[in-house]
Amino acid sequence: MVDLWQVVLSVAGGVLAALISVAMGAFLSGRIQRRHWARTAQLDYFAQLLSAYSYIYNEFYKWSRTGMRPETEWSGWNNALANLSLAADPVIVQAALVIDGLFWETTDKFKTGLVDRKSWPQHRDRLEQAHVAFINCCRGNLGVARGLISTTIAREVRSEIEGVKRSIGGDAQAPS
């Protein structure tokens, strides 16, 4: 006859193993969910900052062309920067702060007349370099970087398109 203690220990061991399995599953699942949420939040914050960057950059571009000071709305940039600061790695926040510093510097130079159509390319290039550095930081953080990108603006491609349009009689005015 089977000893009662053997049955109790066997049943208790089975129940304990099931409870431990459920607890481990819940722990791992929660951890995966938090990681997924953090990655999704970072992607959203990266996209917000890049969108806000494009808006400010385009305002600067118009300013360089017309000489008219725009009524730039900075709240989108400031919100994106604040959100990014909450969820991103410090290296990414630092890359965004470099852009922010260049925005301040460029705005001040526009206000004092130190940036015009002729000097804009120099300021534009510094902004674009910081933009590319930010994107490369984000790509590295997300684990998608297989090498670094060197530009987000295809100036060489645009000049080729302009040449083709001129050769067929079209009028091409690509922004610089």
N, C-alpha and C. Protein backbone atom coordinates (compact mmCIF):
# COMPACT_ATOMS: atom_id res chain seq x y z
N MET A 1 0.83 -1.16 0.00
CA MET A 1 0.00 0.00 0.00
C MET A 1 0.90 1.25 0.00
N VAL A 2 0.42 2.28 -0.70
CA VAL A 2 1.18 3.52 -0.86
C VAL A 2 1.11 4.31 0.44
N ASP A 3 2.24 4.78 0.81
CA ASP A 3 2.33 5.58 2.02
C ASP A 3 1.62 6.90 1.80
N LEU A 4 0.82 7.36 2.75
CA LEU A 4 0.05 8.60 2.67
C LEU A 4 0.96 9.80 2.46
N TRP A 5 2.10 9.82 3.10
CA TRP A 5 3.03 10.95 2.97
C TRP A 5 3.58 11.06 1.56
N GLN A 6 3.79 9.93 0.90
CA GLN A 6 4.28 9.95 -0.47
C GLN A 6 3.24 10.60 -1.39
N VAL A 7 1.98 10.29 -1.18
CA VAL A 7 0.91 10.87 -1.99
C VAL A 7 0.81 12.38 -1.73
N VAL A 8 0.84 12.78 -0.47
CA VAL A 8 0.73 14.19 -0.11
C VAL A 8 1.91 14.97 -0.69
N LEU A 9 3.13 14.43 -0.54
CA LEU A 9 4.30 15.10 -1.06
C LEU A 9 4.27 15.17 -2.58
N SER A 10 3.80 14.14 -3.22
CA SER A 10 3.72 14.11 -4.68
C SER A 10 2.73 15.16 -5.18
N VAL A 11 1.55 15.23 -4.56
CA VAL A 11 0.53 16.20 -4.95
C VAL A 11 1.02 17.62 -4.64
N ALA A 12 1.59 17.81 -3.46
CA ALA A 12 2.08 19.13 -3.09
C ALA A 12 3.21 19.57 -4.02
N GLY A 13 4.08 18.66 -4.39
CA GLY A 13 5.16 18.99 -5.34
C GLY A 13 4.61 19.40 -6.69
N GLY A 14 3.59 18.70 -7.15
CA GLY A 14 2.96 19.05 -8.44
C GLY A 14 2.31 20.43 -8.39
N VAL A 15 1.59 20.71 -7.29
CA VAL A 15 0.94 22.01 -7.13
C VAL A 15 1.99 23.11 -7.05
N LEU A 16 3.05 22.88 -6.27
CA LEU A 16 4.10 23.86 -6.13
C LEU A 16 4.80 24.13 -7.47
N ALA A 17 5.06 23.08 -8.23
CA ALA A 17 5.69 23.25 -9.55
C ALA A 17 4.79 24.06 -10.47
N ALA A 18 3.48 23.81 -10.43
CA ALA A 18 2.54 24.56 -11.27
C ALA A 18 2.51 26.04 -10.86
N LEU A 19 2.49 26.30 -9.55
CA LEU A 19 2.48 27.68 -9.07
C LEU A 19 3.77 28.42 -9.45
N ILE A 20 4.89 27.76 -9.32
CA ILE A 20 6.16 28.37 -9.69
C ILE A 20 6.18 28.67 -11.20
N SER A 21 5.67 27.75 -12.00
CA SER A 21 5.61 27.96 -13.45
C SER A 21 4.74 29.15 -13.81
N VAL A 22 3.58 29.27 -13.16
CA VAL A 22 2.69 30.40 -13.42
C VAL A 22 3.36 31.72 -13.00
N ALA A 23 4.01 31.72 -11.85
CA ALA A 23 4.68 32.94 -11.37
C ALA A 23 5.82 33.34 -12.31
N MET A 24 6.61 32.38 -12.75
CA MET A 24 7.71 32.68 -13.68
C MET A 24 7.16 33.19 -15.01
N GLY A 25 6.10 32.57 -15.50
CA GLY A 25 5.48 33.01 -16.75
C GLY A 25 4.97 34.45 -16.64
N ALA A 26 4.33 34.75 -15.53
CA ALA A 26 3.81 36.11 -15.31
C ALA A 26 4.96 37.12 -15.23
N PHE A 27 6.02 36.74 -14.53
CA PHE A 27 7.18 37.63 -14.41
C PHE A 27 7.80 37.90 -15.77
N LEU A 28 8.05 36.84 -16.54
CA LEU A 28 8.67 37.00 -17.85
C LEU A 28 7.76 37.76 -18.81
N SER A 29 6.50 37.46 -18.77
CA SER A 29 5.54 38.15 -19.64
C SER A 29 5.48 39.64 -19.31
N GLY A 30 5.45 39.97 -18.03
CA GLY A 30 5.43 41.37 -17.61
C GLY A 30 6.68 42.10 -18.05
N ARG A 31 7.81 41.42 -17.93
CA ARG A 31 9.08 42.03 -18.33
C ARG A 31 9.11 42.29 -19.84
N ILE A 32 8.63 41.34 -20.60
CA ILE A 32 8.57 41.50 -22.06
C ILE A 32 7.63 42.63 -22.43
N GLN A 33 6.49 42.72 -21.74
CA GLN A 33 5.53 43.79 -22.02
C GLN A 33 6.13 45.16 -21.70
N ARG A 34 6.84 45.27 -20.58
CA ARG A 34 7.47 46.55 -20.23
C ARG A 34 8.52 46.94 -21.27
N ARG A 35 9.30 45.96 -21.71
CA ARG A 35 10.30 46.23 -22.73
C ARG A 35 9.65 46.67 -24.04
N HIS A 36 8.57 46.00 -24.40
CA HIS A 36 7.83 46.35 -25.62
C HIS A 36 7.26 47.76 -25.50
N TRP A 37 6.68 48.08 -24.35
CA TRP A 37 6.13 49.43 -24.15
C TRP A 37 7.22 50.48 -24.25
N ALA A 38 8.37 50.21 -23.61
CA ALA A 38 9.47 51.18 -23.63
C ALA A 38 9.97 51.39 -25.06
N ARG A 39 10.09 50.34 -25.82
CA ARG A 39 10.56 50.47 -27.21
C ARG A 39 9.54 51.24 -28.04
N THR A 40 8.26 50.93 -27.87
CA THR A 40 7.21 51.64 -28.61
C THR A 40 7.19 53.12 -28.22
N ALA A 41 7.32 53.41 -26.94
CA ALA A 41 7.33 54.80 -26.48
C ALA A 41 8.54 55.53 -27.07
N GLN A 42 9.70 54.88 -27.08
CA GLN A 42 10.89 55.52 -27.65
C GLN A 42 10.69 55.80 -29.13
N LEU A 43 10.14 54.84 -29.87
CA LEU A 43 9.88 55.06 -31.30
C LEU A 43 8.97 56.27 -31.49
N ASP A 44 7.92 56.36 -30.69
CA ASP A 44 7.00 57.50 -30.78
C ASP A 44 7.73 58.81 -30.48
N TYR A 45 8.56 58.82 -29.46
CA TYR A 45 9.28 60.03 -29.09
C TYR A 45 10.32 60.40 -30.14
N PHE A 46 10.98 59.40 -30.73
CA PHE A 46 11.92 59.69 -31.81
C PHE A 46 11.18 60.34 -32.98
N ALA A 47 10.03 59.75 -33.34
CA ALA A 47 9.25 60.28 -34.46
C ALA A 47 8.74 61.70 -34.15
N GLN A 48 8.30 61.94 -32.92
CA GLN A 48 7.85 63.29 -32.54
C GLN A 48 8.99 64.29 -32.70
N LEU A 49 10.16 63.93 -32.23
CA LEU A 49 11.28 64.87 -32.31
C LEU A 49 11.68 65.11 -33.76
N LEU A 50 11.70 64.07 -34.58
CA LEU A 50 12.07 64.24 -35.98
C LEU A 50 11.04 65.09 -36.73
N SER A 51 9.78 64.92 -36.39
CA SER A 51 8.73 65.74 -37.00
C SER A 51 8.87 67.21 -36.59
N ALA A 52 9.12 67.44 -35.32
CA ALA A 52 9.31 68.81 -34.82
C ALA A 52 10.57 69.42 -35.43
N TYR A 53 11.62 68.62 -35.60
CA TYR A 53 12.84 69.09 -36.25
C TYR A 53 12.53 69.57 -37.66
N SER A 54 11.77 68.77 -38.41
CA SER A 54 11.44 69.13 -39.79
C SER A 54 10.70 70.45 -39.86
N TYR A 55 9.78 70.65 -38.92
CA TYR A 55 9.01 71.90 -38.90
C TYR A 55 9.94 73.10 -38.69
N ILE A 56 10.80 73.03 -37.67
CA ILE A 56 11.70 74.15 -37.36
C ILE A 56 12.70 74.36 -38.51
N TYR A 57 13.25 73.26 -39.02
CA TYR A 57 14.20 73.35 -40.13
C TYR A 57 13.56 74.05 -41.33
N ASN A 58 12.32 73.69 -41.66
CA ASN A 58 11.63 74.32 -42.79
C ASN A 58 11.35 75.79 -42.53
N GLU A 59 11.08 76.14 -41.28
CA GLU A 59 10.90 77.56 -40.94
C GLU A 59 12.20 78.33 -41.16
N PHE A 60 13.31 77.73 -40.76
CA PHE A 60 14.62 78.35 -40.99
C PHE A 60 14.89 78.51 -42.49
N TYR A 61 14.56 77.46 -43.25
CA TYR A 61 14.78 77.51 -44.69
C TYR A 61 14.00 78.68 -45.31
N LYS A 62 12.73 78.80 -44.94
CA LYS A 62 11.90 79.91 -45.46
C LYS A 62 12.50 81.25 -45.04
N TRP A 63 12.94 81.34 -43.80
CA TRP A 63 13.54 82.57 -43.27
C TRP A 63 14.77 82.95 -44.11
N SER A 64 15.59 81.95 -44.44
CA SER A 64 16.80 82.22 -45.22
C SER A 64 16.46 82.70 -46.62
N ARG A 65 15.34 82.26 -47.17
CA ARG A 65 14.94 82.62 -48.53
C ARG A 65 14.23 83.97 -48.60
N THR A 66 13.39 84.25 -47.63
CA THR A 66 12.56 85.46 -47.70
C THR A 66 13.11 86.59 -46.85
N GLY A 67 13.89 86.27 -45.84
CA GLY A 67 14.37 87.29 -44.92
C GLY A 67 13.30 87.73 -43.93
N MET A 68 12.11 87.17 -44.05
CA MET A 68 11.02 87.52 -43.13
C MET A 68 11.04 86.55 -41.95
N ARG A 69 11.07 87.13 -40.77
CA ARG A 69 11.10 86.31 -39.56
C ARG A 69 9.75 85.62 -39.37
N PRO A 70 9.76 84.29 -39.32
CA PRO A 70 8.49 83.57 -39.14
C PRO A 70 8.05 83.58 -37.68
N GLU A 71 6.82 83.31 -37.49
CA GLU A 71 6.28 83.12 -36.13
C GLU A 71 6.41 81.63 -35.82
N THR A 72 7.61 81.21 -35.51
CA THR A 72 7.90 79.80 -35.28
C THR A 72 7.22 79.33 -34.00
N GLU A 73 6.52 78.22 -34.09
CA GLU A 73 5.86 77.60 -32.95
C GLU A 73 6.81 76.57 -32.35
N TRP A 74 7.37 76.88 -31.19
CA TRP A 74 8.39 76.04 -30.57
C TRP A 74 7.81 74.98 -29.64
N SER A 75 6.52 75.02 -29.35
CA SER A 75 5.97 74.09 -28.36
C SER A 75 6.09 72.63 -28.81
N GLY A 76 5.94 72.36 -30.11
CA GLY A 76 6.09 70.98 -30.59
C GLY A 76 7.49 70.45 -30.35
N TRP A 77 8.48 71.29 -30.64
CA TRP A 77 9.87 70.89 -30.40
C TRP A 77 10.13 70.69 -28.91
N ASN A 78 9.69 71.64 -28.10
CA ASN A 78 9.93 71.55 -26.66
C ASN A 78 9.23 70.33 -26.05
N ASN A 79 8.00 70.04 -26.48
CA ASN A 79 7.29 68.85 -25.98
C ASN A 79 8.01 67.57 -26.39
N ALA A 80 8.43 67.51 -27.65
CA ALA A 80 9.13 66.32 -28.13
C ALA A 80 10.44 66.12 -27.37
N LEU A 81 11.15 67.20 -27.12
CA LEU A 81 12.41 67.12 -26.38
C LEU A 81 12.17 66.65 -24.94
N ALA A 82 11.13 67.18 -24.31
CA ALA A 82 10.81 66.77 -22.94
C ALA A 82 10.41 65.30 -22.89
N ASN A 83 9.56 64.85 -23.82
CA ASN A 83 9.15 63.45 -23.85
C ASN A 83 10.34 62.53 -24.07
N LEU A 84 11.20 62.92 -24.98
CA LEU A 84 12.39 62.12 -25.27
C LEU A 84 13.26 61.99 -24.02
N SER A 85 13.37 63.08 -23.27
CA SER A 85 14.19 63.08 -22.06
C SER A 85 13.68 62.10 -21.02
N LEU A 86 12.39 61.80 -21.06
CA LEU A 86 11.80 60.86 -20.10
C LEU A 86 12.11 59.41 -20.42
N ALA A 87 12.21 59.06 -21.70
CA ALA A 87 12.24 57.65 -22.05
C ALA A 87 13.51 57.19 -22.75
N ALA A 88 14.31 58.09 -23.27
CA ALA A 88 15.44 57.69 -24.10
C ALA A 88 16.73 57.58 -23.28
N ASP A 89 17.66 56.86 -23.86
CA ASP A 89 18.99 56.75 -23.26
C ASP A 89 19.67 58.11 -23.26
N PRO A 90 20.55 58.34 -22.30
CA PRO A 90 21.23 59.64 -22.22
C PRO A 90 21.97 60.05 -23.49
N VAL A 91 22.56 59.10 -24.22
CA VAL A 91 23.29 59.45 -25.44
C VAL A 91 22.33 60.02 -26.50
N ILE A 92 21.12 59.51 -26.54
CA ILE A 92 20.13 60.02 -27.49
C ILE A 92 19.65 61.40 -27.07
N VAL A 93 19.40 61.56 -25.78
CA VAL A 93 18.99 62.88 -25.27
C VAL A 93 20.08 63.90 -25.57
N GLN A 94 21.34 63.51 -25.38
CA GLN A 94 22.45 64.43 -25.65
C GLN A 94 22.49 64.80 -27.13
N ALA A 95 22.26 63.85 -28.02
CA ALA A 95 22.24 64.15 -29.46
C ALA A 95 21.11 65.12 -29.79
N ALA A 96 19.96 64.97 -29.13
CA ALA A 96 18.84 65.90 -29.34
C ALA A 96 19.18 67.28 -28.79
N LEU A 97 19.89 67.33 -27.68
CA LEU A 97 20.27 68.62 -27.10
C LEU A 97 21.27 69.37 -27.97
N VAL A 98 22.08 68.64 -28.72
CA VAL A 98 22.98 69.29 -29.67
C VAL A 98 22.15 70.03 -30.73
N ILE A 99 21.11 69.36 -31.23
CA ILE A 99 20.21 70.01 -32.20
C ILE A 99 19.56 71.22 -31.56
N ASP A 100 19.10 71.07 -30.34
CA ASP A 100 18.44 72.18 -29.64
C ASP A 100 19.39 73.38 -29.52
N GLY A 101 20.63 73.11 -29.17
CA GLY A 101 21.61 74.19 -29.07
C GLY A 101 21.84 74.88 -30.41
N LEU A 102 21.88 74.10 -31.49
CA LEU A 102 22.03 74.68 -32.82
C LEU A 102 20.80 75.49 -33.22
N PHE A 103 19.62 75.03 -32.81
CA PHE A 103 18.40 75.80 -33.07
C PHE A 103 18.48 77.17 -32.39
N TRP A 104 18.89 77.19 -31.13
CA TRP A 104 19.02 78.45 -30.40
C TRP A 104 20.04 79.36 -31.08
N GLU A 105 21.19 78.79 -31.40
CA GLU A 105 22.26 79.57 -32.03
C GLU A 105 21.80 80.14 -33.37
N THR A 106 21.16 79.30 -34.18
CA THR A 106 20.72 79.74 -35.50
C THR A 106 19.63 80.80 -35.39
N THR A 107 18.72 80.63 -34.46
CA THR A 107 17.66 81.63 -34.25
C THR A 107 18.28 82.98 -33.88
N ASP A 108 19.23 82.96 -32.96
CA ASP A 108 19.89 84.20 -32.55
C ASP A 108 20.60 84.86 -33.73
N LYS A 109 21.25 84.06 -34.56
CA LYS A 109 21.97 84.61 -35.71
C LYS A 109 21.00 85.16 -36.76
N PHE A 110 19.86 84.50 -36.94
CA PHE A 110 18.84 85.04 -37.84
C PHE A 110 18.36 86.40 -37.33
N LYS A 111 18.09 86.46 -36.04
CA LYS A 111 17.55 87.70 -35.45
C LYS A 111 18.51 88.86 -35.61
N THR A 112 19.81 88.58 -35.55
CA THR A 112 20.79 89.66 -35.66
C THR A 112 21.28 89.87 -37.08
N GLY A 113 20.71 89.12 -38.03
CA GLY A 113 21.07 89.30 -39.43
C GLY A 113 22.34 88.59 -39.85
N LEU A 114 22.86 87.70 -39.02
CA LEU A 114 24.09 86.98 -39.36
C LEU A 114 23.85 85.77 -40.25
N VAL A 115 22.58 85.42 -40.46
CA VAL A 115 22.26 84.33 -41.39
C VAL A 115 21.40 84.93 -42.49
N ASP A 116 21.83 84.72 -43.72
CA ASP A 116 21.05 85.14 -44.87
C ASP A 116 21.13 84.04 -45.92
N ARG A 117 20.64 84.33 -47.09
CA ARG A 117 20.61 83.32 -48.14
C ARG A 117 22.00 82.77 -48.45
N LYS A 118 23.01 83.63 -48.42
CA LYS A 118 24.38 83.20 -48.75
C LYS A 118 25.00 82.37 -47.64
N SER A 119 24.75 82.72 -46.39
CA SER A 119 25.38 81.99 -45.29
C SER A 119 24.55 80.82 -44.78
N TRP A 120 23.31 80.71 -45.24
CA TRP A 120 22.43 79.64 -44.80
C TRP A 120 23.04 78.25 -44.99
N PRO A 121 23.66 77.93 -46.15
CA PRO A 121 24.19 76.57 -46.32
C PRO A 121 25.14 76.12 -45.21
N GLN A 122 25.95 77.03 -44.69
CA GLN A 122 26.86 76.68 -43.60
C GLN A 122 26.08 76.28 -42.35
N HIS A 123 25.05 77.04 -42.01
CA HIS A 123 24.23 76.73 -40.83
C HIS A 123 23.38 75.49 -41.08
N ARG A 124 22.86 75.39 -42.28
CA ARG A 124 22.06 74.23 -42.66
C ARG A 124 22.86 72.95 -42.51
N ASP A 125 24.11 72.97 -42.98
CA ASP A 125 24.95 71.77 -42.92
C ASP A 125 25.20 71.33 -41.48
N ARG A 126 25.41 72.28 -40.57
CA ARG A 126 25.61 71.93 -39.16
C ARG A 126 24.34 71.29 -38.58
N LEU A 127 23.18 71.86 -38.93
CA LEU A 127 21.92 71.27 -38.46
C LEU A 127 21.75 69.86 -39.01
N GLU A 128 22.04 69.69 -40.29
CA GLU A 128 21.87 68.37 -40.91
C GLU A 128 22.83 67.34 -40.33
N GLN A 129 24.05 67.75 -40.00
CA GLN A 129 25.00 66.83 -39.37
C GLN A 129 24.49 66.38 -38.00
N ALA A 130 23.95 67.32 -37.24
CA ALA A 130 23.40 66.97 -35.92
C ALA A 130 22.16 66.08 -36.09
N HIS A 131 21.36 66.34 -37.10
CA HIS A 131 20.18 65.53 -37.40
C HIS A 131 20.58 64.09 -37.72
N VAL A 132 21.59 63.93 -38.57
CA VAL A 132 22.07 62.59 -38.93
C VAL A 132 22.65 61.89 -37.70
N ALA A 133 23.40 62.61 -36.87
CA ALA A 133 23.96 62.02 -35.65
C ALA A 133 22.84 61.53 -34.73
N PHE A 134 21.77 62.32 -34.61
CA PHE A 134 20.63 61.91 -33.78
C PHE A 134 20.00 60.64 -34.35
N ILE A 135 19.77 60.60 -35.64
CA ILE A 135 19.17 59.42 -36.27
C ILE A 135 20.06 58.20 -36.06
N ASN A 136 21.36 58.34 -36.22
CA ASN A 136 22.26 57.21 -36.02
C ASN A 136 22.23 56.72 -34.57
N CYS A 137 22.12 57.64 -33.61
CA CYS A 137 21.99 57.24 -32.20
C CYS A 137 20.71 56.43 -32.00
N CYS A 138 19.63 56.90 -32.58
CA CYS A 138 18.34 56.20 -32.46
C CYS A 138 18.42 54.82 -33.09
N ARG A 139 18.99 54.74 -34.28
CA ARG A 139 19.11 53.45 -34.97
C ARG A 139 19.94 52.48 -34.14
N GLY A 140 21.03 52.96 -33.56
CA GLY A 140 21.86 52.10 -32.72
C GLY A 140 21.11 51.61 -31.50
N ASN A 141 20.33 52.50 -30.88
CA ASN A 141 19.56 52.16 -29.70
C ASN A 141 18.49 51.12 -30.01
N LEU A 142 17.91 51.20 -31.19
CA LEU A 142 16.84 50.28 -31.57
C LEU A 142 17.38 48.96 -32.12
N GLY A 143 18.69 48.92 -32.34
CA GLY A 143 19.29 47.68 -32.83
C GLY A 143 19.09 47.47 -34.32
N VAL A 144 18.81 48.53 -35.07
CA VAL A 144 18.61 48.37 -36.51
C VAL A 144 19.81 48.88 -37.31
N ALA A 145 20.79 49.41 -36.63
CA ALA A 145 21.92 50.01 -37.33
C ALA A 145 22.85 48.94 -37.89
N ARG A 146 22.91 48.86 -39.17
CA ARG A 146 23.90 48.03 -39.85
C ARG A 146 24.75 49.02 -40.63
N GLY A 147 25.56 49.73 -39.91
CA GLY A 147 26.31 50.82 -40.50
C GLY A 147 25.58 52.13 -40.22
N LEU A 148 26.29 53.21 -40.42
CA LEU A 148 25.73 54.52 -40.14
C LEU A 148 25.25 55.16 -41.42
N ILE A 149 24.19 55.95 -41.33
CA ILE A 149 23.78 56.73 -42.48
C ILE A 149 24.63 58.00 -42.49
N SER A 150 24.82 58.57 -43.67
CA SER A 150 25.66 59.77 -43.75
C SER A 150 24.86 61.00 -44.11
N THR A 151 23.65 60.83 -44.58
CA THR A 151 22.82 61.98 -44.93
C THR A 151 21.35 61.58 -44.91
N THR A 152 20.51 62.58 -44.74
CA THR A 152 19.06 62.36 -44.87
C THR A 152 18.53 63.19 -46.02
N ILE A 153 19.39 63.97 -46.65
CA ILE A 153 19.02 64.83 -47.76
C ILE A 153 19.81 64.37 -48.98
N ALA A 154 19.13 64.05 -50.03
CA ALA A 154 19.81 63.55 -51.23
C ALA A 154 20.14 64.69 -52.18
N ARG A 155 21.08 65.54 -51.79
CA ARG A 155 21.45 66.68 -52.64
C ARG A 155 22.00 66.23 -53.99
N GLU A 156 22.83 65.19 -53.99
CA GLU A 156 23.40 64.73 -55.25
C GLU A 156 22.31 64.23 -56.19
N VAL A 157 21.34 63.51 -55.64
CA VAL A 157 20.24 63.01 -56.45
C VAL A 157 19.42 64.18 -57.00
N ARG A 158 19.19 65.20 -56.16
CA ARG A 158 18.41 66.35 -56.62
C ARG A 158 19.14 67.07 -57.74
N SER A 159 20.46 67.19 -57.65
CA SER A 159 21.18 67.89 -58.72
C SER A 159 21.12 67.08 -60.02
N GLU A 160 21.13 65.76 -59.92
CA GLU A 160 20.97 64.93 -61.12
C GLU A 160 19.59 65.13 -61.72
N ILE A 161 18.56 65.18 -60.87
CA ILE A 161 17.19 65.40 -61.36
C ILE A 161 17.08 66.76 -62.04
N GLU A 162 17.71 67.78 -61.45
CA GLU A 162 17.69 69.12 -62.06
C GLU A 162 18.33 69.08 -63.43
N GLY A 163 19.46 68.38 -63.56
CA GLY A 163 20.13 68.27 -64.86
C GLY A 163 19.25 67.60 -65.89
N VAL A 164 18.56 66.54 -65.48
CA VAL A 164 17.66 65.85 -66.41
C VAL A 164 16.51 66.77 -66.80
N LYS A 165 15.93 67.46 -65.86
CA LYS A 165 14.82 68.37 -66.17
C LYS A 165 15.27 69.48 -67.11
N ARG A 166 16.46 70.03 -66.86
CA ARG A 166 16.96 71.08 -67.75
C ARG A 166 17.16 70.55 -69.16
N SER A 167 17.66 69.31 -69.25
CA SER A 167 17.94 68.75 -70.57
C SER A 167 16.66 68.48 -71.36
N ILE A 168 15.52 68.29 -70.64
CA ILE A 168 14.25 68.08 -71.35
C ILE A 168 13.40 69.34 -71.37
N GLY A 169 13.98 70.44 -70.92
CA GLY A 169 13.28 71.72 -71.01
C GLY A 169 12.40 72.03 -69.82
N GLY A 170 12.48 71.24 -68.73
CA GLY A 170 11.68 71.53 -67.53
C GLY A 170 12.40 72.54 -66.67
N ASP A 171 11.67 73.15 -65.78
CA ASP A 171 12.32 74.12 -64.90
C ASP A 171 12.36 73.52 -63.52
N ALA A 172 13.55 73.32 -63.02
CA ALA A 172 13.75 72.66 -61.73
C ALA A 172 14.37 73.60 -60.75
N GLN A 173 13.70 73.82 -59.67
CA GLN A 173 14.22 74.65 -58.58
C GLN A 173 14.16 73.83 -57.30
N ALA A 174 15.17 73.09 -57.03
CA ALA A 174 15.21 72.32 -55.79
C ALA A 174 15.74 73.19 -54.68
N PRO A 175 15.14 73.10 -53.49
CA PRO A 175 15.65 73.89 -52.37
C PRO A 175 17.03 73.40 -51.98
N SER A 176 17.83 74.32 -51.46
CA SER A 176 19.15 73.90 -50.97
C SER A 176 19.27 74.13 -49.51
